Amino acid sequence: MSAIKGRNVGVALKAALDLQQKAATELSTSDLNDWLSDWKKTHPVSPHSKKPKLKYAVQVGHSPITLLLFCKRAENVEGPTLRAITNNIRKFFMLQGVPIRVIPRES
């Protein structure tokens, strides 16, 4: 890419516009909860575990996409678990390259 000669600038602008469109995506609560249902099937929690029990998710903002994740023992949703959830959402909804913020909340 060259700004001086104008080579491939269109490619970079198209990529930036595509990311902007993805960042403006509205994720319905039902779609988020379908994802959550799949997540819970592959990441089961025993009833006596100290791990968080995920209940439901809602989108509350754009740019970055901001999701509230309601769960029991929300204080245990941190670090690797939060990254795994965020990356799985990004993969499930095809939002590669889009910043996503997941905020765990006690329910």
PDB file of N, CA and C in Angstrom:
ATOM      1  N   MET A   1       0.857  -1.167   0.000  1.00  0.00           N
ATOM      2  CA  MET A   1       0.000   0.000   0.000  1.00  0.00           C
ATOM      3  C   MET A   1       0.903   1.229   0.000  1.00  0.00           C
ATOM      4  N   SER A   2       0.490   2.212  -0.779  1.00  0.00           N
ATOM      5  CA  SER A   2       1.264   3.447  -0.860  1.00  0.00           C
ATOM      6  C   SER A   2       0.322   4.637  -0.883  1.00  0.00           C
ATOM      7  N   ALA A   3       0.443   5.502   0.098  1.00  0.00           N
ATOM      8  CA  ALA A   3      -0.379   6.711   0.131  1.00  0.00           C
ATOM      9  C   ALA A   3       0.102   7.710  -0.907  1.00  0.00           C
ATOM     10  N   ILE A   4       1.396   7.700  -1.166  1.00  0.00           N
ATOM     11  CA  ILE A   4       1.947   8.649  -2.135  1.00  0.00           C
ATOM     12  C   ILE A   4       1.462   8.323  -3.540  1.00  0.00           C
ATOM     13  N   LYS A   5       1.564   7.054  -3.922  1.00  0.00           N
ATOM     14  CA  LYS A   5       1.176   6.656  -5.281  1.00  0.00           C
ATOM     15  C   LYS A   5      -0.277   6.192  -5.361  1.00  0.00           C
ATOM     16  N   GLY A   6      -0.924   6.053  -4.227  1.00  0.00           N
ATOM     17  CA  GLY A   6      -2.339   5.681  -4.216  1.00  0.00           C
ATOM     18  C   GLY A   6      -2.592   4.212  -4.476  1.00  0.00           C
ATOM     19  N   ARG A   7      -1.583   3.375  -4.323  1.00  0.00           N
ATOM     20  CA  ARG A   7      -1.757   1.939  -4.579  1.00  0.00           C
ATOM     21  C   ARG A   7      -2.424   1.255  -3.393  1.00  0.00           C
ATOM     22  N   ASN A   8      -3.419   0.480  -3.690  1.00  0.00           N
ATOM     23  CA  ASN A   8      -4.121  -0.357  -2.701  1.00  0.00           C
ATOM     24  C   ASN A   8      -4.788   0.433  -1.575  1.00  0.00           C
ATOM     25  N   VAL A   9      -4.935   1.723  -1.723  1.00  0.00           N
ATOM     26  CA  VAL A   9      -5.626   2.517  -0.709  1.00  0.00           C
ATOM     27  C   VAL A   9      -7.093   2.101  -0.647  1.00  0.00           C
ATOM     28  N   GLY A  10      -7.661   1.799  -1.813  1.00  0.00           N
ATOM     29  CA  GLY A  10      -9.055   1.353  -1.869  1.00  0.00           C
ATOM     30  C   GLY A  10      -9.278   0.076  -1.087  1.00  0.00           C
ATOM     31  N   VAL A  11      -8.301  -0.817  -1.118  1.00  0.00           N
ATOM     32  CA  VAL A  11      -8.404  -2.082  -0.376  1.00  0.00           C
ATOM     33  C   VAL A  11      -8.457  -1.796   1.131  1.00  0.00           C
ATOM     34  N   ALA A  12      -7.586  -0.911   1.596  1.00  0.00           N
ATOM     35  CA  ALA A  12      -7.555  -0.569   3.022  1.00  0.00           C
ATOM     36  C   ALA A  12      -8.850   0.120   3.444  1.00  0.00           C
ATOM     37  N   LEU A  13      -9.351   1.020   2.595  1.00  0.00           N
ATOM     38  CA  LEU A  13     -10.603   1.717   2.927  1.00  0.00           C
ATOM     39  C   LEU A  13     -11.774   0.747   2.958  1.00  0.00           C
ATOM     40  N   LYS A  14     -11.807  -0.202   2.021  1.00  0.00           N
ATOM     41  CA  LYS A  14     -12.882  -1.201   2.013  1.00  0.00           C
ATOM     42  C   LYS A  14     -12.829  -2.043   3.287  1.00  0.00           C
ATOM     43  N   ALA A  15     -11.628  -2.440   3.698  1.00  0.00           N
ATOM     44  CA  ALA A  15     -11.479  -3.228   4.928  1.00  0.00           C
ATOM     45  C   ALA A  15     -11.952  -2.428   6.137  1.00  0.00           C
ATOM     46  N   ALA A  16     -11.613  -1.146   6.181  1.00  0.00           N
ATOM     47  CA  ALA A  16     -12.040  -0.292   7.296  1.00  0.00           C
ATOM     48  C   ALA A  16     -13.555  -0.139   7.324  1.00  0.00           C
ATOM     49  N   LEU A  17     -14.179   0.013   6.160  1.00  0.00           N
ATOM     50  CA  LEU A  17     -15.642   0.135   6.094  1.00  0.00           C
ATOM     51  C   LEU A  17     -16.319  -1.171   6.500  1.00  0.00           C
ATOM     52  N   ASP A  18     -15.737  -2.305   6.080  1.00  0.00           N
ATOM     53  CA  ASP A  18     -16.290  -3.606   6.477  1.00  0.00           C
ATOM     54  C   ASP A  18     -16.252  -3.774   7.999  1.00  0.00           C
ATOM     55  N   LEU A  19     -15.134  -3.383   8.614  1.00  0.00           N
ATOM     56  CA  LEU A  19     -15.029  -3.476  10.073  1.00  0.00           C
ATOM     57  C   LEU A  19     -16.018  -2.546  10.760  1.00  0.00           C
ATOM     58  N   GLN A  20     -16.212  -1.355  10.187  1.00  0.00           N
ATOM     59  CA  GLN A  20     -17.173  -0.417  10.773  1.00  0.00           C
ATOM     60  C   GLN A  20     -18.589  -0.993  10.719  1.00  0.00           C
ATOM     61  N   GLN A  21     -18.939  -1.632   9.595  1.00  0.00           N
ATOM     62  CA  GLN A  21     -20.262  -2.254   9.484  1.00  0.00           C
ATOM     63  C   GLN A  21     -20.422  -3.388  10.491  1.00  0.00           C
ATOM     64  N   LYS A  22     -19.382  -4.206  10.643  1.00  0.00           N
ATOM     65  CA  LYS A  22     -19.450  -5.301  11.615  1.00  0.00           C
ATOM     66  C   LYS A  22     -19.595  -4.764  13.035  1.00  0.00           C
ATOM     67  N   ALA A  23     -18.894  -3.664  13.336  1.00  0.00           N
ATOM     68  CA  ALA A  23     -18.947  -3.085  14.682  1.00  0.00           C
ATOM     69  C   ALA A  23     -20.324  -2.514  14.995  1.00  0.00           C
ATOM     70  N   ALA A  24     -21.105  -2.190  13.966  1.00  0.00           N
ATOM     71  CA  ALA A  24     -22.449  -1.648  14.168  1.00  0.00           C
ATOM     72  C   ALA A  24     -23.505  -2.754  14.216  1.00  0.00           C
ATOM     73  N   THR A  25     -23.071  -4.002  14.229  1.00  0.00           N
ATOM     74  CA  THR A  25     -23.980  -5.139  14.217  1.00  0.00           C
ATOM     75  C   THR A  25     -24.860  -5.160  15.464  1.00  0.00           C
ATOM     76  N   GLU A  26     -26.148  -5.403  15.257  1.00  0.00           N
ATOM     77  CA  GLU A  26     -27.101  -5.612  16.356  1.00  0.00           C
ATOM     78  C   GLU A  26     -27.208  -7.118  16.574  1.00  0.00           C
ATOM     79  N   LEU A  27     -26.829  -7.582  17.727  1.00  0.00           N
ATOM     80  CA  LEU A  27     -26.981  -8.990  18.072  1.00  0.00           C
ATOM     81  C   LEU A  27     -28.252  -9.119  18.901  1.00  0.00           C
ATOM     82  N   SER A  28     -29.213  -9.864  18.380  1.00  0.00           N
ATOM     83  CA  SER A  28     -30.468  -9.997  19.118  1.00  0.00           C
ATOM     84  C   SER A  28     -30.235 -10.838  20.373  1.00  0.00           C
ATOM     85  N   THR A  29     -31.049 -10.589  21.360  1.00  0.00           N
ATOM     86  CA  THR A  29     -30.936 -11.333  22.613  1.00  0.00           C
ATOM     87  C   THR A  29     -31.161 -12.820  22.368  1.00  0.00           C
ATOM     88  N   SER A  30     -32.089 -13.154  21.480  1.00  0.00           N
ATOM     89  CA  SER A  30     -32.340 -14.576  21.212  1.00  0.00           C
ATOM     90  C   SER A  30     -31.135 -15.232  20.545  1.00  0.00           C
ATOM     91  N   ASP A  31     -30.461 -14.522  19.615  1.00  0.00           N
ATOM     92  CA  ASP A  31     -29.254 -15.075  18.990  1.00  0.00           C
ATOM     93  C   ASP A  31     -28.138 -15.242  20.026  1.00  0.00           C
ATOM     94  N   LEU A  32     -27.981 -14.251  20.901  1.00  0.00           N
ATOM     95  CA  LEU A  32     -26.967 -14.355  21.954  1.00  0.00           C
ATOM     96  C   LEU A  32     -27.262 -15.529  22.880  1.00  0.00           C
ATOM     97  N   ASN A  33     -28.514 -15.734  23.196  1.00  0.00           N
ATOM     98  CA  ASN A  33     -28.863 -16.830  24.093  1.00  0.00           C
ATOM     99  C   ASN A  33     -28.771 -18.186  23.405  1.00  0.00           C
ATOM    100  N   ASP A  34     -28.954 -18.219  22.062  1.00  0.00           N
ATOM    101  CA  ASP A  34     -28.679 -19.459  21.318  1.00  0.00           C
ATOM    102  C   ASP A  34     -27.195 -19.785  21.394  1.00  0.00           C
ATOM    103  N   TRP A  35     -26.346 -18.744  21.227  1.00  0.00           N
ATOM    104  CA  TRP A  35     -24.899 -18.951  21.370  1.00  0.00           C
ATOM    105  C   TRP A  35     -24.590 -19.454  22.781  1.00  0.00           C
ATOM    106  N   LEU A  36     -25.196 -18.828  23.785  1.00  0.00           N
ATOM    107  CA  LEU A  36     -24.932 -19.193  25.175  1.00  0.00           C
ATOM    108  C   LEU A  36     -25.334 -20.643  25.452  1.00  0.00           C
ATOM    109  N   SER A  37     -26.433 -21.058  24.868  1.00  0.00           N
ATOM    110  CA  SER A  37     -26.881 -22.440  25.030  1.00  0.00           C
ATOM    111  C   SER A  37     -25.841 -23.410  24.463  1.00  0.00           C
ATOM    112  N   ASP A  38     -25.302 -23.089  23.284  1.00  0.00           N
ATOM    113  CA  ASP A  38     -24.240 -23.918  22.696  1.00  0.00           C
ATOM    114  C   ASP A  38     -22.999 -23.911  23.574  1.00  0.00           C
ATOM    115  N   TRP A  39     -22.641 -22.731  24.095  1.00  0.00           N
ATOM    116  CA  TRP A  39     -21.463 -22.605  24.963  1.00  0.00           C
ATOM    117  C   TRP A  39     -21.615 -23.495  26.195  1.00  0.00           C
ATOM    118  N   LYS A  40     -22.801 -23.469  26.808  1.00  0.00           N
ATOM    119  CA  LYS A  40     -23.019 -24.240  28.036  1.00  0.00           C
ATOM    120  C   LYS A  40     -22.956 -25.744  27.774  1.00  0.00           C
ATOM    121  N   LYS A  41     -23.331 -26.173  26.563  1.00  0.00           N
ATOM    122  CA  LYS A  41     -23.251 -27.602  26.230  1.00  0.00           C
ATOM    123  C   LYS A  41     -21.805 -28.062  26.151  1.00  0.00           C
ATOM    124  N   THR A  42     -20.916 -27.198  25.667  1.00  0.00           N
ATOM    125  CA  THR A  42     -19.515 -27.582  25.517  1.00  0.00           C
ATOM    126  C   THR A  42     -18.673 -27.224  26.737  1.00  0.00           C
ATOM    127  N   HIS A  43     -19.216 -26.427  27.654  1.00  0.00           N
ATOM    128  CA  HIS A  43     -18.506 -26.018  28.869  1.00  0.00           C
ATOM    129  C   HIS A  43     -19.428 -26.212  30.085  1.00  0.00           C
ATOM    130  N   PRO A  44     -19.757 -27.466  30.407  1.00  0.00           N
ATOM    131  CA  PRO A  44     -20.692 -27.703  31.519  1.00  0.00           C
ATOM    132  C   PRO A  44     -20.090 -27.316  32.870  1.00  0.00           C
ATOM    133  N   VAL A  45     -20.973 -26.924  33.782  1.00  0.00           N
ATOM    134  CA  VAL A  45     -20.574 -26.558  35.145  1.00  0.00           C
ATOM    135  C   VAL A  45     -21.294 -27.489  36.106  1.00  0.00           C
ATOM    136  N   SER A  46     -20.536 -28.107  37.011  1.00  0.00           N
ATOM    137  CA  SER A  46     -21.177 -28.989  37.985  1.00  0.00           C
ATOM    138  C   SER A  46     -21.934 -28.141  39.010  1.00  0.00           C
ATOM    139  N   PRO A  47     -23.001 -28.669  39.581  1.00  0.00           N
ATOM    140  CA  PRO A  47     -23.806 -27.894  40.529  1.00  0.00           C
ATOM    141  C   PRO A  47     -23.035 -27.446  41.769  1.00  0.00           C
ATOM    142  N   HIS A  48     -21.950 -28.129  42.121  1.00  0.00           N
ATOM    143  CA  HIS A  48     -21.200 -27.810  43.331  1.00  0.00           C
ATOM    144  C   HIS A  48     -19.917 -27.033  43.029  1.00  0.00           C
ATOM    145  N   SER A  49     -19.787 -26.579  41.791  1.00  0.00           N
ATOM    146  CA  SER A  49     -18.575 -25.886  41.371  1.00  0.00           C
ATOM    147  C   SER A  49     -18.600 -24.413  41.779  1.00  0.00           C
ATOM    148  N   LYS A  50     -17.415 -23.837  41.916  1.00  0.00           N
ATOM    149  CA  LYS A  50     -17.291 -22.397  42.181  1.00  0.00           C
ATOM    150  C   LYS A  50     -17.239 -21.611  40.858  1.00  0.00           C
ATOM    151  N   LYS A  51     -17.309 -22.318  39.741  1.00  0.00           N
ATOM    152  CA  LYS A  51     -17.286 -21.654  38.435  1.00  0.00           C
ATOM    153  C   LYS A  51     -18.591 -20.890  38.241  1.00  0.00           C
ATOM    154  N   PRO A  52     -18.562 -19.840  37.421  1.00  0.00           N
ATOM    155  CA  PRO A  52     -19.788 -19.074  37.185  1.00  0.00           C
ATOM    156  C   PRO A  52     -20.819 -19.876  36.399  1.00  0.00           C
ATOM    157  N   LYS A  53     -22.071 -19.663  36.721  1.00  0.00           N
ATOM    158  CA  LYS A  53     -23.164 -20.294  35.985  1.00  0.00           C
ATOM    159  C   LYS A  53     -23.785 -19.206  35.103  1.00  0.00           C
ATOM    160  N   LEU A  54     -23.587 -19.325  33.790  1.00  0.00           N
ATOM    161  CA  LEU A  54     -24.053 -18.314  32.842  1.00  0.00           C
ATOM    162  C   LEU A  54     -25.544 -18.483  32.602  1.00  0.00           C
ATOM    163  N   LYS A  55     -26.282 -17.368  32.612  1.00  0.00           N
ATOM    164  CA  LYS A  55     -27.733 -17.435  32.465  1.00  0.00           C
ATOM    165  C   LYS A  55     -28.210 -16.848  31.143  1.00  0.00           C
ATOM    166  N   TYR A  56     -27.908 -15.579  30.864  1.00  0.00           N
ATOM    167  CA  TYR A  56     -28.303 -14.982  29.586  1.00  0.00           C
ATOM    168  C   TYR A  56     -27.444 -13.771  29.289  1.00  0.00           C
ATOM    169  N   ALA A  57     -27.519 -13.306  28.024  1.00  0.00           N
ATOM    170  CA  ALA A  57     -26.698 -12.177  27.582  1.00  0.00           C
ATOM    171  C   ALA A  57     -27.547 -11.207  26.772  1.00  0.00           C
ATOM    172  N   VAL A  58     -27.210  -9.926  26.853  1.00  0.00           N
ATOM    173  CA  VAL A  58     -27.880  -8.886  26.064  1.00  0.00           C
ATOM    174  C   VAL A  58     -26.830  -7.893  25.563  1.00  0.00           C
ATOM    175  N   GLN A  59     -27.084  -7.328  24.389  1.00  0.00           N
ATOM    176  CA  GLN A  59     -26.205  -6.291  23.858  1.00  0.00           C
ATOM    177  C   GLN A  59     -26.693  -4.942  24.356  1.00  0.00           C
ATOM    178  N   VAL A  60     -25.760  -4.133  24.866  1.00  0.00           N
ATOM    179  CA  VAL A  60     -26.128  -2.820  25.406  1.00  0.00           C
ATOM    180  C   VAL A  60     -25.397  -1.671  24.722  1.00  0.00           C
ATOM    181  N   GLY A  61     -24.496  -1.975  23.766  1.00  0.00           N
ATOM    182  CA  GLY A  61     -23.775  -0.886  23.118  1.00  0.00           C
ATOM    183  C   GLY A  61     -23.076  -1.309  21.845  1.00  0.00           C
ATOM    184  N   HIS A  62     -22.616  -0.301  21.091  1.00  0.00           N
ATOM    185  CA  HIS A  62     -21.886  -0.494  19.839  1.00  0.00           C
ATOM    186  C   HIS A  62     -20.554   0.239  19.921  1.00  0.00           C
ATOM    187  N   SER A  63     -19.638  -0.181  19.093  1.00  0.00           N
ATOM    188  CA  SER A  63     -18.332   0.475  18.914  1.00  0.00           C
ATOM    189  C   SER A  63     -17.635   0.808  20.224  1.00  0.00           C
ATOM    190  N   PRO A  64     -17.169  -0.120  20.982  1.00  0.00           N
ATOM    191  CA  PRO A  64     -17.176  -1.544  20.699  1.00  0.00           C
ATOM    192  C   PRO A  64     -18.511  -2.189  21.056  1.00  0.00           C
ATOM    193  N   ILE A  65     -18.749  -3.341  20.448  1.00  0.00           N
ATOM    194  CA  ILE A  65     -19.942  -4.106  20.803  1.00  0.00           C
ATOM    195  C   ILE A  65     -19.810  -4.439  22.288  1.00  0.00           C
ATOM    196  N   THR A  66     -20.821  -4.071  23.055  1.00  0.00           N
ATOM    197  CA  THR A  66     -20.789  -4.277  24.505  1.00  0.00           C
ATOM    198  C   THR A  66     -21.934  -5.200  24.896  1.00  0.00           C
ATOM    199  N   LEU A  67     -21.584  -6.262  25.609  1.00  0.00           N
ATOM    200  CA  LEU A  67     -22.565  -7.254  26.029  1.00  0.00           C
ATOM    201  C   LEU A  67     -22.564  -7.374  27.542  1.00  0.00           C
ATOM    202  N   LEU A  68     -23.743  -7.483  28.113  1.00  0.00           N
ATOM    203  CA  LEU A  68     -23.867  -7.831  29.529  1.00  0.00           C
ATOM    204  C   LEU A  68     -24.127  -9.332  29.603  1.00  0.00           C
ATOM    205  N   LEU A  69     -23.354 -10.009  30.407  1.00  0.00           N
ATOM    206  CA  LEU A  69     -23.482 -11.447  30.585  1.00  0.00           C
ATOM    207  C   LEU A  69     -23.936 -11.697  32.015  1.00  0.00           C
ATOM    208  N   PHE A  70     -25.194 -12.053  32.174  1.00  0.00           N
ATOM    209  CA  PHE A  70     -25.757 -12.276  33.501  1.00  0.00           C
ATOM    210  C   PHE A  70     -25.454 -13.697  33.947  1.00  0.00           C
ATOM    211  N   CYS A  71     -24.951 -13.810  35.174  1.00  0.00           N
ATOM    212  CA  CYS A  71     -24.548 -15.113  35.663  1.00  0.00           C
ATOM    213  C   CYS A  71     -24.518 -15.139  37.188  1.00  0.00           C
ATOM    214  N   LYS A  72     -24.424 -16.339  37.688  1.00  0.00           N
ATOM    215  CA  LYS A  72     -24.249 -16.545  39.119  1.00  0.00           C
ATOM    216  C   LYS A  72     -22.745 -16.628  39.363  1.00  0.00           C
ATOM    217  N   ARG A  73     -22.245 -15.977  40.405  1.00  0.00           N
ATOM    218  CA  ARG A  73     -20.810 -15.896  40.717  1.00  0.00           C
ATOM    219  C   ARG A  73     -20.054 -15.143  39.620  1.00  0.00           C
ATOM    220  N   ALA A  74     -20.569 -13.960  39.271  1.00  0.00           N
ATOM    221  CA  ALA A  74     -19.979 -13.136  38.207  1.00  0.00           C
ATOM    222  C   ALA A  74     -18.537 -12.749  38.504  1.00  0.00           C
ATOM    223  N   GLU A  75     -18.186 -12.659  39.777  1.00  0.00           N
ATOM    224  CA  GLU A  75     -16.811 -12.266  40.120  1.00  0.00           C
ATOM    225  C   GLU A  75     -15.785 -13.297  39.658  1.00  0.00           C
ATOM    226  N   ASN A  76     -16.232 -14.520  39.333  1.00  0.00           N
ATOM    227  CA  ASN A  76     -15.330 -15.567  38.859  1.00  0.00           C
ATOM    228  C   ASN A  76     -15.163 -15.570  37.342  1.00  0.00           C
ATOM    229  N   VAL A  77     -15.865 -14.680  36.646  1.00  0.00           N
ATOM    230  CA  VAL A  77     -15.695 -14.562  35.197  1.00  0.00           C
ATOM    231  C   VAL A  77     -14.594 -13.541  34.971  1.00  0.00           C
ATOM    232  N   GLU A  78     -13.385 -14.036  34.737  1.00  0.00           N
ATOM    233  CA  GLU A  78     -12.246 -13.139  34.569  1.00  0.00           C
ATOM    234  C   GLU A  78     -11.182 -13.819  33.723  1.00  0.00           C
ATOM    235  N   GLY A  79     -10.207 -13.068  33.316  1.00  0.00           N
ATOM    236  CA  GLY A  79      -9.028 -13.567  32.618  1.00  0.00           C
ATOM    237  C   GLY A  79      -9.322 -14.532  31.491  1.00  0.00           C
ATOM    238  N   PRO A  80      -8.795 -15.756  31.588  1.00  0.00           N
ATOM    239  CA  PRO A  80      -8.924 -16.723  30.496  1.00  0.00           C
ATOM    240  C   PRO A  80     -10.379 -17.054  30.141  1.00  0.00           C
ATOM    241  N   THR A  81     -11.245 -17.142  31.144  1.00  0.00           N
ATOM    242  CA  THR A  81     -12.656 -17.448  30.866  1.00  0.00           C
ATOM    243  C   THR A  81     -13.295 -16.330  30.058  1.00  0.00           C
ATOM    244  N   LEU A  82     -13.044 -15.100  30.433  1.00  0.00           N
ATOM    245  CA  LEU A  82     -13.609 -13.946  29.731  1.00  0.00           C
ATOM    246  C   LEU A  82     -13.065 -13.864  28.310  1.00  0.00           C
ATOM    247  N   ARG A  83     -11.779 -14.128  28.128  1.00  0.00           N
ATOM    248  CA  ARG A  83     -11.189 -14.120  26.779  1.00  0.00           C
ATOM    249  C   ARG A  83     -11.783 -15.233  25.923  1.00  0.00           C
ATOM    250  N   ALA A  84     -11.974 -16.412  26.510  1.00  0.00           N
ATOM    251  CA  ALA A  84     -12.547 -17.528  25.766  1.00  0.00           C
ATOM    252  C   ALA A  84     -13.976 -17.209  25.331  1.00  0.00           C
ATOM    253  N   ILE A  85     -14.755 -16.616  26.224  1.00  0.00           N
ATOM    254  CA  ILE A  85     -16.133 -16.226  25.890  1.00  0.00           C
ATOM    255  C   ILE A  85     -16.126 -15.190  24.773  1.00  0.00           C
ATOM    256  N   THR A  86     -15.294 -14.160  24.901  1.00  0.00           N
ATOM    257  CA  THR A  86     -15.231 -13.095  23.897  1.00  0.00           C
ATOM    258  C   THR A  86     -14.810 -13.655  22.539  1.00  0.00           C
ATOM    259  N   ASN A  87     -13.783 -14.490  22.521  1.00  0.00           N
ATOM    260  CA  ASN A  87     -13.308 -15.065  21.257  1.00  0.00           C
ATOM    261  C   ASN A  87     -14.343 -15.992  20.636  1.00  0.00           C
ATOM    262  N   ASN A  88     -15.073 -16.730  21.483  1.00  0.00           N
ATOM    263  CA  ASN A  88     -16.098 -17.623  20.965  1.00  0.00           C
ATOM    264  C   ASN A  88     -17.258 -16.829  20.368  1.00  0.00           C
ATOM    265  N   ILE A  89     -17.637 -15.719  20.982  1.00  0.00           N
ATOM    266  CA  ILE A  89     -18.681 -14.843  20.427  1.00  0.00           C
ATOM    267  C   ILE A  89     -18.224 -14.302  19.081  1.00  0.00           C
ATOM    268  N   ARG A  90     -16.970 -13.849  19.032  1.00  0.00           N
ATOM    269  CA  ARG A  90     -16.419 -13.294  17.795  1.00  0.00           C
ATOM    270  C   ARG A  90     -16.471 -14.334  16.668  1.00  0.00           C
ATOM    271  N   LYS A  91     -16.125 -15.579  16.991  1.00  0.00           N
ATOM    272  CA  LYS A  91     -16.134 -16.652  15.990  1.00  0.00           C
ATOM    273  C   LYS A  91     -17.564 -17.019  15.586  1.00  0.00           C
ATOM    274  N   PHE A  92     -18.451 -17.171  16.561  1.00  0.00           N
ATOM    275  CA  PHE A  92     -19.832 -17.600  16.312  1.00  0.00           C
ATOM    276  C   PHE A  92     -20.580 -16.600  15.428  1.00  0.00           C
ATOM    277  N   PHE A  93     -20.392 -15.293  15.684  1.00  0.00           N
ATOM    278  CA  PHE A  93     -21.114 -14.259  14.943  1.00  0.00           C
ATOM    279  C   PHE A  93     -20.291 -13.670  13.790  1.00  0.00           C
ATOM    280  N   MET A  94     -19.127 -14.285  13.480  1.00  0.00           N
ATOM    281  CA  MET A  94     -18.254 -13.852  12.380  1.00  0.00           C
ATOM    282  C   MET A  94     -17.889 -12.373  12.507  1.00  0.00           C
ATOM    283  N   LEU A  95     -17.349 -12.006  13.654  1.00  0.00           N
ATOM    284  CA  LEU A  95     -16.968 -10.622  13.940  1.00  0.00           C
ATOM    285  C   LEU A  95     -15.454 -10.488  14.124  1.00  0.00           C
ATOM    286  N   GLN A  96     -14.676 -11.241  13.329  1.00  0.00           N
ATOM    287  CA  GLN A  96     -13.227 -11.175  13.435  1.00  0.00           C
ATOM    288  C   GLN A  96     -12.759  -9.740  13.200  1.00  0.00           C
ATOM    289  N   GLY A  97     -11.864  -9.281  14.059  1.00  0.00           N
ATOM    290  CA  GLY A  97     -11.308  -7.941  13.944  1.00  0.00           C
ATOM    291  C   GLY A  97     -12.112  -6.864  14.641  1.00  0.00           C
ATOM    292  N   VAL A  98     -13.275  -7.216  15.179  1.00  0.00           N
ATOM    293  CA  VAL A  98     -14.152  -6.242  15.822  1.00  0.00           C
ATOM    294  C   VAL A  98     -13.950  -6.307  17.341  1.00  0.00           C
ATOM    295  N   PRO A  99     -13.722  -5.170  17.991  1.00  0.00           N
ATOM    296  CA  PRO A  99     -13.593  -5.204  19.445  1.00  0.00           C
ATOM    297  C   PRO A  99     -14.930  -5.532  20.106  1.00  0.00           C
ATOM    298  N   ILE A 100     -14.880  -6.422  21.076  1.00  0.00           N
ATOM    299  CA  ILE A 100     -16.080  -6.825  21.814  1.00  0.00           C
ATOM    300  C   ILE A 100     -15.755  -6.714  23.299  1.00  0.00           C
ATOM    301  N   ARG A 101     -16.648  -6.076  24.040  1.00  0.00           N
ATOM    302  CA  ARG A 101     -16.492  -5.963  25.493  1.00  0.00           C
ATOM    303  C   ARG A 101     -17.609  -6.777  26.139  1.00  0.00           C
ATOM    304  N   VAL A 102     -17.230  -7.687  27.009  1.00  0.00           N
ATOM    305  CA  VAL A 102     -18.198  -8.503  27.741  1.00  0.00           C
ATOM    306  C   VAL A 102     -18.098  -8.117  29.213  1.00  0.00           C
ATOM    307  N   ILE A 103     -19.229  -7.714  29.783  1.00  0.00           N
ATOM    308  CA  ILE A 103     -19.278  -7.291  31.171  1.00  0.00           C
ATOM    309  C   ILE A 103     -20.115  -8.302  31.953  1.00  0.00           C
ATOM    310  N   PRO A 104     -19.475  -9.075  32.837  1.00  0.00           N
ATOM    311  CA  PRO A 104     -20.246 -10.010  33.650  1.00  0.00           C
ATOM    312  C   PRO A 104     -21.024  -9.279  34.736  1.00  0.00           C
ATOM    313  N   ARG A 105     -22.265  -9.700  34.934  1.00  0.00           N
ATOM    314  CA  ARG A 105     -23.128  -9.109  35.979  1.00  0.00           C
ATOM    315  C   ARG A 105     -23.761 -10.224  36.785  1.00  0.00           C
ATOM    316  N   GLU A 106     -23.865  -9.969  38.063  1.00  0.00           N
ATOM    317  CA  GLU A 106     -24.520 -10.922  38.968  1.00  0.00           C
ATOM    318  C   GLU A 106     -26.025 -10.890  38.726  1.00  0.00           C
ATOM    319  N   SER A 107     -26.632 -12.059  38.668  1.00  0.00           N
ATOM    320  CA  SER A 107     -28.100 -12.084  38.498  1.00  0.00           C
ATOM    321  C   SER A 107     -28.750 -12.866  39.617  1.00  0.00           C
TER     322      SER A 107
END
